[in-house]
Amino acid sequence: MNDASQKSFWLFLSLYLSSSFILLITSSYWFYNAQVSMQKANDYYKLKNISDEVSSEVIMAHMMNKPLSLKKYPNTSIGLFNKKKELLYGSVIQDIDFTKDKYMIGDVFSVISHGAANHLNIAYVVVQNTESVVSLKKIREKIFFITTAIAMLIIIIAVVLGKIFLKPIKDKIQEIEDFVKDTTHELNTPITALMMSTSRLKDVKECNKKSIQNISISTKQLYDIYSSLSYINFETKEKDKLVMFDNIVKESAEYFNELIEKKNIVLTLDTKPCSITIAPTKAKMLINNLLSNSIKYSHPNSNIKIYLDETKLIVEDEGIGIEDKKLKTIFKRFTRANSYAGGFGVGMSIIESIIKEYSFKIEINSTVNVGTKITIYFTKSK
């Protein structure tokens, strides 16, 4: 992962995690408060029920003239007070605030009832226990465990999503980096050749055929690189018109003649009159890229055949060929099928865009170390 991808990844991760954790903590806080309120309500009704039972026992003891016997409840303290707030029966855990019906101080939850109605001189029934603290502790532990588990899951999801969402960006950045490297390499070859040729001409102070040929080839290579880059970045809006495509094919063959001679390739042209409706620049780009690839990936001392009629164009070479598994990706921009020769992977992409634009059909048959045959079928539009 390059620096730009890492920066984007960590920025996405920080934004995603911070927003998710804020939501998670807020939700956990609300849930905890809801659980606390619910637990306190349950504890209140439980203690209130005990106080009502005790009040009933006090009233029954008074009416039946029987001694009062307080029933014991687990983890609960019961205190019976008179109007003067003096303890008459039982015990309490902490001092009582008789101004409230229920409250919680520290670990103790208290409920105060007036249900005894002064029977046996009992004005207040106080019930206290510490079960709320235990229950609330369990709630906190449960919420903490769930929150931690969800946080871990969010982190895992964030990392996975970050990699999934940033993969196209990462791939595109890698494509651009590879494109820049390949373009630099491609430019280096003709520029170096031009510098050497011009330097040689300065030294000998006369022109020879080889130097002129090298300069011409290098200049054309630079122009082809420029044309390809201009096309993919500033695609021409040239209007379509009826062109004699056979003339354009012949011009292209003449254009690459020096490079063909340098590799000692035999080019066979079999062209019949062919007129199609297309933008002239795109017609040149189509045949130039096809022929350029054939020359580039052909072995020295091999053959290239071009056949053209009213319905199709065939370019066949005896080059290195293309593996079957790579045939599906050769039209992808900045993708090269092999590293046999230079290039930066835009030629076939340009060819495909022109074919799609004019509803042509392309057929590629290739065998490794035997050669490649590309057929383009025209849709007639006169």
Protein backbone atom coordinates (compact mmCIF):
# COMPACT_ATOMS: atom_id res chain seq x y z
CA MET A 1 0.00 0.00 0.00
CA ASN A 2 1.53 3.31 -1.09
CA ASP A 3 1.57 6.51 0.96
CA ALA A 4 -1.56 7.96 -0.64
CA SER A 5 -3.49 4.74 -0.09
CA GLN A 6 -2.30 4.50 3.52
CA LYS A 7 -3.30 8.09 4.19
CA SER A 8 -6.76 7.52 2.70
CA PHE A 9 -7.12 4.25 4.60
CA TRP A 10 -6.27 5.75 7.98
CA LEU A 11 -8.44 8.80 7.34
CA PHE A 12 -11.40 6.57 6.44
CA LEU A 13 -10.69 4.34 9.46
CA SER A 14 -10.50 7.27 11.89
CA LEU A 15 -13.71 8.88 10.59
CA TYR A 16 -15.60 5.58 10.50
CA LEU A 17 -14.44 4.45 13.95
CA SER A 18 -14.91 7.82 15.65
CA SER A 19 -18.48 8.19 14.35
CA SER A 20 -19.27 4.55 15.12
CA PHE A 21 -17.83 4.75 18.65
CA ILE A 22 -19.69 7.97 19.39
CA LEU A 23 -22.91 6.28 18.33
CA LEU A 24 -22.02 3.12 20.25
CA ILE A 25 -21.14 4.95 23.47
CA THR A 26 -24.25 7.13 23.23
CA SER A 27 -26.44 4.09 22.64
CA SER A 28 -24.78 2.21 25.51
CA TYR A 29 -25.30 5.19 27.83
CA TRP A 30 -28.98 5.45 26.93
CA PHE A 31 -29.43 1.70 27.27
CA TYR A 32 -27.70 1.70 30.67
CA ASN A 33 -29.88 4.53 31.95
CA ALA A 34 -32.97 2.71 30.70
CA GLN A 35 -31.85 -0.48 32.44
CA VAL A 36 -31.09 1.45 35.66
CA SER A 37 -34.53 3.05 35.61
CA MET A 38 -36.15 -0.31 34.95
CA GLN A 39 -34.12 -2.00 37.72
CA LYS A 40 -34.98 0.72 40.22
CA ALA A 41 -38.63 0.46 39.28
CA ASN A 42 -38.51 -3.32 39.78
CA ASP A 43 -36.74 -2.90 43.13
CA TYR A 44 -39.27 -0.28 44.21
CA TYR A 45 -42.25 -2.49 43.40
CA LYS A 46 -40.57 -5.41 45.12
CA LEU A 47 -39.89 -3.41 48.32
CA LYS A 48 -43.28 -1.74 48.09
CA ASN A 49 -44.89 -5.16 47.96
CA ILE A 50 -42.90 -6.19 51.06
CA SER A 51 -43.96 -3.02 52.89
CA ASP A 52 -47.60 -3.69 52.01
CA GLU A 53 -47.32 -7.24 53.33
CA VAL A 54 -45.73 -5.98 56.57
CA SER A 55 -48.42 -3.29 56.91
CA SER A 56 -51.09 -5.98 56.50
CA GLU A 57 -49.42 -8.08 59.21
CA VAL A 58 -49.31 -5.07 61.57
CA ILE A 59 -53.00 -4.35 60.99
CA MET A 60 -53.98 -8.02 61.45
CA ALA A 61 -51.91 -8.29 64.65
CA HIS A 62 -53.58 -5.20 66.04
CA MET A 63 -57.10 -6.30 65.12
CA MET A 64 -56.60 -9.90 66.27
CA ASN A 65 -54.80 -8.69 69.39
CA LYS A 66 -51.84 -10.95 68.63
CA PRO A 67 -48.14 -10.30 69.05
CA LEU A 68 -46.47 -8.93 65.93
CA SER A 69 -44.03 -11.30 64.27
CA LEU A 70 -42.09 -9.84 61.34
CA LYS A 71 -41.48 -12.19 58.43
CA LYS A 72 -37.91 -12.31 57.20
CA TYR A 73 -37.07 -11.53 53.60
CA PRO A 74 -33.69 -12.35 51.97
CA ASN A 75 -31.17 -9.49 51.93
CA THR A 76 -33.82 -7.11 53.26
CA SER A 77 -34.04 -5.05 56.47
CA ILE A 78 -37.41 -3.92 57.86
CA GLY A 79 -37.91 -1.16 60.44
CA LEU A 80 -41.19 -0.04 62.02
CA PHE A 81 -41.30 3.50 63.38
CA ASN A 82 -43.87 5.53 65.37
CA LYS A 83 -44.92 9.09 64.64
CA LYS A 84 -41.91 10.36 66.54
CA LYS A 85 -39.75 8.42 64.10
CA GLU A 86 -38.58 6.10 66.82
CA LEU A 87 -37.73 2.53 65.89
CA LEU A 88 -40.22 0.13 67.49
CA TYR A 89 -39.56 -3.14 65.65
CA GLY A 90 -36.88 -4.55 63.36
CA SER A 91 -33.75 -2.81 62.15
CA VAL A 92 -32.48 -0.60 59.33
CA ILE A 93 -29.22 -0.41 57.46
CA GLN A 94 -28.84 3.38 57.41
CA ASP A 95 -30.59 6.49 58.73
CA ILE A 96 -34.00 7.22 57.26
CA ASP A 97 -35.14 10.32 55.36
CA PHE A 98 -38.83 10.32 56.29
CA THR A 99 -39.60 13.16 53.84
CA LYS A 100 -39.39 10.77 50.86
CA ASP A 101 -41.29 7.67 49.80
CA LYS A 102 -38.29 6.09 48.05
CA TYR A 103 -34.65 6.94 47.53
CA MET A 104 -31.24 5.41 47.14
CA ILE A 105 -28.13 6.49 49.02
CA GLY A 106 -24.94 4.64 48.32
CA ASP A 107 -25.62 0.93 48.15
CA VAL A 108 -28.97 1.07 49.97
CA PHE A 109 -32.39 1.40 48.36
CA SER A 110 -35.14 2.51 50.79
CA VAL A 111 -38.95 2.48 50.56
CA ILE A 112 -41.10 4.19 53.23
CA SER A 113 -44.77 3.28 53.56
CA HIS A 114 -47.63 4.69 55.70
CA GLY A 115 -49.74 1.58 55.18
CA ALA A 116 -49.78 0.54 58.87
CA ALA A 117 -51.97 3.58 59.58
CA ASN A 118 -50.80 3.89 63.22
CA HIS A 119 -51.93 0.38 64.12
CA LEU A 120 -49.80 -0.79 67.03
CA ASN A 121 -48.59 2.81 67.08
CA ILE A 122 -46.66 2.19 63.83
CA ALA A 123 -46.70 5.17 61.48
CA TYR A 124 -43.85 4.22 59.13
CA VAL A 125 -42.89 0.95 57.59
CA VAL A 126 -39.33 1.17 56.22
CA VAL A 127 -37.93 -1.50 53.92
CA GLN A 128 -34.28 -1.44 52.81
CA ASN A 129 -31.95 -3.70 50.84
CA THR A 130 -28.73 -3.60 48.79
CA GLU A 131 -29.77 -5.82 45.91
CA SER A 132 -30.00 -2.85 43.53
CA VAL A 133 -26.24 -2.32 43.69
CA VAL A 134 -25.58 -5.94 42.78
CA SER A 135 -28.12 -5.80 39.95
CA LEU A 136 -26.73 -2.51 38.61
CA LYS A 137 -23.19 -3.93 38.75
CA LYS A 138 -24.31 -6.90 36.67
CA ILE A 139 -25.99 -4.54 34.21
CA ARG A 140 -22.78 -2.48 33.90
CA GLU A 141 -20.68 -5.59 33.38
CA LYS A 142 -23.09 -6.94 30.78
CA ILE A 143 -23.25 -3.63 28.91
CA PHE A 144 -19.44 -3.28 29.07
CA PHE A 145 -18.96 -6.77 27.66
CA ILE A 146 -21.51 -6.22 24.86
CA THR A 147 -20.11 -2.76 24.06
CA THR A 148 -16.56 -4.12 23.92
CA ALA A 149 -17.63 -6.99 21.65
CA ILE A 150 -19.48 -4.60 19.34
CA ALA A 151 -16.49 -2.23 19.31
CA MET A 152 -14.19 -5.08 18.26
CA LEU A 153 -16.66 -6.06 15.55
CA ILE A 154 -16.84 -2.45 14.36
CA ILE A 155 -13.03 -2.30 14.14
CA ILE A 156 -12.92 -5.52 12.10
CA ILE A 157 -15.71 -4.30 9.82
CA ALA A 158 -14.00 -0.92 9.44
CA VAL A 159 -10.71 -2.52 8.39
CA VAL A 160 -12.45 -4.86 5.93
CA LEU A 161 -14.64 -2.10 4.47
CA GLY A 162 -11.68 0.25 4.29
CA LYS A 163 -9.70 -2.24 2.24
CA ILE A 164 -12.70 -3.05 0.03
CA PHE A 165 -13.65 0.59 -0.61
CA LEU A 166 -10.06 1.76 -1.10
CA LYS A 167 -9.02 -1.13 -3.34
CA PRO A 168 -10.25 0.62 -6.54
CA ILE A 169 -8.39 3.78 -5.50
CA LYS A 170 -5.30 1.74 -4.65
CA ASP A 171 -5.47 -0.07 -7.99
CA LYS A 172 -6.00 3.19 -9.87
CA ILE A 173 -3.05 4.85 -8.11
CA GLN A 174 -0.93 1.81 -8.90
CA GLU A 175 -2.05 2.02 -12.53
CA ILE A 176 -1.07 5.67 -12.67
CA GLU A 177 2.31 4.97 -11.07
CA ASP A 178 2.96 2.13 -13.51
CA PHE A 179 1.77 4.33 -16.36
CA VAL A 180 4.18 7.11 -15.37
CA LYS A 181 7.05 4.62 -15.10
CA ASP A 182 6.22 3.01 -18.44
CA THR A 183 5.76 6.37 -20.14
CA THR A 184 9.10 7.57 -18.76
CA HIS A 185 10.73 4.41 -20.06
CA GLU A 186 9.03 4.75 -23.44
CA LEU A 187 10.12 8.35 -23.79
CA ASN A 188 13.66 7.53 -22.74
CA THR A 189 14.32 5.23 -25.72
CA PRO A 190 13.53 7.64 -28.60
CA ILE A 191 14.96 10.63 -26.74
CA THR A 192 18.23 8.78 -26.13
CA ALA A 193 18.32 7.70 -29.77
CA LEU A 194 17.74 11.29 -30.91
CA MET A 195 20.48 12.64 -28.65
CA MET A 196 22.97 10.00 -29.82
CA SER A 197 22.12 10.55 -33.47
CA THR A 198 22.34 14.33 -33.28
CA SER A 199 25.57 14.07 -31.30
CA ARG A 200 27.02 11.76 -33.95
CA LEU A 201 25.96 14.16 -36.68
CA LYS A 202 27.69 17.00 -34.88
CA ASP A 203 30.88 14.97 -34.59
CA VAL A 204 31.06 13.76 -38.18
CA LYS A 205 29.40 16.93 -39.54
CA GLU A 206 27.57 15.00 -42.22
CA CYS A 207 24.36 13.00 -42.50
CA ASN A 208 24.30 9.28 -43.20
CA LYS A 209 21.37 7.01 -43.88
CA LYS A 210 21.52 5.21 -40.51
CA SER A 211 21.51 8.43 -38.47
CA ILE A 212 18.64 9.88 -40.48
CA GLN A 213 16.72 6.62 -40.10
CA ASN A 214 17.27 6.60 -36.31
CA ILE A 215 16.15 10.21 -36.03
CA SER A 216 13.08 9.53 -38.14
CA ILE A 217 12.12 6.41 -36.15
CA SER A 218 12.66 8.16 -32.81
CA THR A 219 10.65 11.18 -33.91
CA LYS A 220 7.78 8.97 -35.01
CA GLN A 221 7.90 7.03 -31.74
CA LEU A 222 7.63 10.28 -29.81
CA TYR A 223 4.76 11.40 -32.01
CA ASP A 224 2.93 8.08 -31.51
CA ILE A 225 3.31 8.40 -27.73
CA TYR A 226 2.02 11.96 -27.91
CA SER A 227 -0.90 10.93 -30.13
CA SER A 228 -1.93 8.10 -27.81
CA LEU A 229 -1.74 10.28 -24.70
CA SER A 230 -3.64 13.08 -26.40
CA TYR A 231 -6.35 10.68 -27.54
CA ILE A 232 -7.01 9.10 -24.12
CA ASN A 233 -6.98 12.47 -22.35
CA PHE A 234 -8.49 14.78 -24.97
CA GLU A 235 -10.49 12.49 -27.22
CA THR A 236 -11.06 14.19 -30.56
CA LYS A 237 -14.47 15.59 -31.47
CA GLU A 238 -13.70 15.40 -35.18
CA LYS A 239 -16.76 14.82 -37.35
CA ASP A 240 -17.25 11.53 -39.17
CA LYS A 241 -17.01 11.41 -42.92
CA LEU A 242 -16.65 8.87 -45.69
CA VAL A 243 -12.96 7.97 -45.99
CA MET A 244 -11.05 5.58 -48.23
CA PHE A 245 -9.72 3.30 -45.54
CA ASP A 246 -7.43 1.43 -47.95
CA ASN A 247 -5.48 4.66 -48.52
CA ILE A 248 -5.11 5.16 -44.77
CA VAL A 249 -3.81 1.59 -44.39
CA LYS A 250 -1.21 2.21 -47.11
CA GLU A 251 -0.18 5.51 -45.48
CA SER A 252 0.23 3.72 -42.14
CA ALA A 253 2.40 1.03 -43.73
CA GLU A 254 4.57 3.75 -45.28
CA TYR A 255 4.72 5.59 -41.94
CA PHE A 256 6.16 2.53 -40.18
CA ASN A 257 8.36 1.51 -43.12
CA GLU A 258 11.63 2.50 -41.43
CA LEU A 259 10.83 0.56 -38.26
CA ILE A 260 9.79 -2.43 -40.40
CA GLU A 261 13.09 -2.29 -42.29
CA LYS A 262 15.08 -1.98 -39.07
CA LYS A 263 13.60 -5.26 -37.74
CA ASN A 264 13.91 -6.81 -41.21
CA ILE A 265 10.17 -7.62 -41.25
CA VAL A 266 8.42 -8.46 -44.49
CA LEU A 267 5.08 -6.60 -44.69
CA THR A 268 2.57 -7.95 -47.21
CA LEU A 269 -0.35 -5.68 -48.13
CA ASP A 270 -3.45 -7.04 -49.81
CA THR A 271 -5.87 -4.13 -49.83
CA LYS A 272 -9.03 -3.73 -51.85
CA PRO A 273 -10.98 -0.48 -52.14
CA CYS A 274 -12.77 0.11 -48.83
CA SER A 275 -14.79 3.15 -47.80
CA ILE A 276 -16.17 3.59 -44.28
CA THR A 277 -17.74 6.44 -42.39
CA ILE A 278 -15.40 7.40 -39.57
CA ALA A 279 -13.43 10.36 -38.23
CA PRO A 280 -10.14 10.37 -40.21
CA THR A 281 -8.01 10.76 -37.06
CA LYS A 282 -9.69 7.74 -35.47
CA ALA A 283 -9.20 5.72 -38.63
CA LYS A 284 -5.47 6.47 -38.45
CA MET A 285 -5.37 5.67 -34.71
CA LEU A 286 -7.07 2.33 -35.39
CA ILE A 287 -4.67 1.05 -38.06
CA ASN A 288 -1.59 2.71 -36.51
CA ASN A 289 -2.12 0.99 -33.17
CA LEU A 290 -2.82 -2.37 -34.80
CA LEU A 291 0.25 -2.20 -37.01
CA SER A 292 2.44 -0.70 -34.29
CA ASN A 293 1.60 -3.60 -31.95
CA SER A 294 2.28 -6.16 -34.67
CA ILE A 295 5.69 -4.64 -35.39
CA LYS A 296 6.52 -4.20 -31.72
CA TYR A 297 5.74 -7.81 -30.76
CA SER A 298 7.08 -9.46 -33.93
CA HIS A 299 10.41 -11.22 -34.03
CA PRO A 300 13.08 -9.86 -36.40
CA ASN A 301 13.06 -11.48 -39.83
CA SER A 302 9.36 -12.41 -39.55
CA ASN A 303 6.26 -11.60 -41.61
CA ILE A 304 3.25 -9.33 -41.15
CA LYS A 305 0.23 -9.60 -43.42
CA ILE A 306 -2.53 -7.02 -43.82
CA TYR A 307 -5.72 -7.85 -45.68
CA LEU A 308 -8.51 -5.34 -46.30
CA ASP A 309 -11.79 -5.44 -48.17
CA GLU A 310 -15.19 -3.77 -47.85
CA THR A 311 -16.22 -5.89 -44.85
CA LYS A 312 -13.12 -6.49 -42.76
CA LEU A 313 -9.53 -5.66 -41.86
CA ILE A 314 -7.07 -8.42 -40.92
CA VAL A 315 -3.65 -7.83 -39.35
CA GLU A 316 -1.65 -11.04 -38.86
CA ASP A 317 1.87 -11.39 -37.51
CA GLU A 318 4.36 -14.09 -36.54
CA GLY A 319 5.15 -12.58 -33.17
CA ILE A 320 5.25 -13.76 -29.56
CA GLY A 321 1.49 -14.26 -29.28
CA ILE A 322 -0.79 -13.76 -26.27
CA GLU A 323 -1.68 -16.26 -23.57
CA ASP A 324 -5.35 -17.29 -23.47
CA LYS A 325 -5.82 -16.09 -19.89
CA LYS A 326 -4.56 -12.60 -20.85
CA LEU A 327 -6.77 -12.16 -23.90
CA LYS A 328 -9.64 -11.00 -21.68
CA THR A 329 -7.60 -8.18 -20.15
CA ILE A 330 -5.71 -6.75 -23.13
CA PHE A 331 -8.35 -4.04 -23.68
CA LYS A 332 -8.00 -2.74 -20.13
CA ARG A 333 -6.23 0.61 -20.09
CA PHE A 334 -2.62 0.57 -18.80
CA THR A 335 -2.55 -3.24 -18.98
CA ARG A 336 0.12 -5.04 -20.97
CA ALA A 337 -0.09 -8.70 -21.93
CA ASN A 338 3.68 -9.14 -21.55
CA SER A 339 6.95 -7.30 -21.08
CA TYR A 340 8.53 -8.39 -24.36
CA ALA A 341 8.60 -4.85 -25.73
CA GLY A 342 7.91 -1.40 -24.46
CA GLY A 343 4.57 0.30 -24.24
CA PHE A 344 2.27 1.53 -21.53
CA GLY A 345 -0.92 -0.38 -22.25
CA VAL A 346 -3.17 2.12 -24.04
CA GLY A 347 -3.05 0.92 -27.66
CA MET A 348 -5.61 -1.86 -27.37
CA SER A 349 -7.77 0.35 -25.15
CA ILE A 350 -7.88 2.97 -27.90
CA ILE A 351 -8.69 0.29 -30.48
CA GLU A 352 -11.56 -1.01 -28.34
CA SER A 353 -13.02 2.47 -27.79
CA ILE A 354 -13.06 3.16 -31.55
CA ILE A 355 -14.59 -0.25 -32.30
CA LYS A 356 -17.35 0.30 -29.74
CA GLU A 357 -18.04 3.82 -30.98
CA TYR A 358 -18.63 2.64 -34.54
CA SER A 359 -20.24 -0.71 -33.67
CA PHE A 360 -17.45 -2.68 -35.31
CA LYS A 361 -16.63 -6.20 -34.18
CA ILE A 362 -13.16 -7.45 -33.26
CA GLU A 363 -11.92 -11.02 -33.26
CA ILE A 364 -8.51 -12.04 -31.86
CA ASN A 365 -6.84 -15.40 -32.44
CA SER A 366 -3.44 -15.82 -30.87
CA THR A 367 -1.02 -18.63 -30.13
CA VAL A 368 2.05 -18.16 -27.95
CA ASN A 369 5.28 -18.11 -29.98
CA VAL A 370 3.29 -18.54 -33.21
CA GLY A 371 1.61 -15.20 -33.74
CA THR A 372 -1.56 -13.15 -33.51
CA LYS A 373 -4.36 -12.55 -35.97
CA ILE A 374 -6.72 -9.64 -35.38
CA THR A 375 -9.83 -9.25 -37.52
CA ILE A 376 -12.07 -6.18 -37.43
CA TYR A 377 -15.47 -6.47 -39.10
CA PHE A 378 -16.97 -3.19 -40.28
CA THR A 379 -20.60 -2.15 -39.95
CA LYS A 380 -21.33 -0.53 -43.27
CA SER A 381 -22.58 3.03 -43.04
CA LYS A 382 -22.58 4.91 -46.33
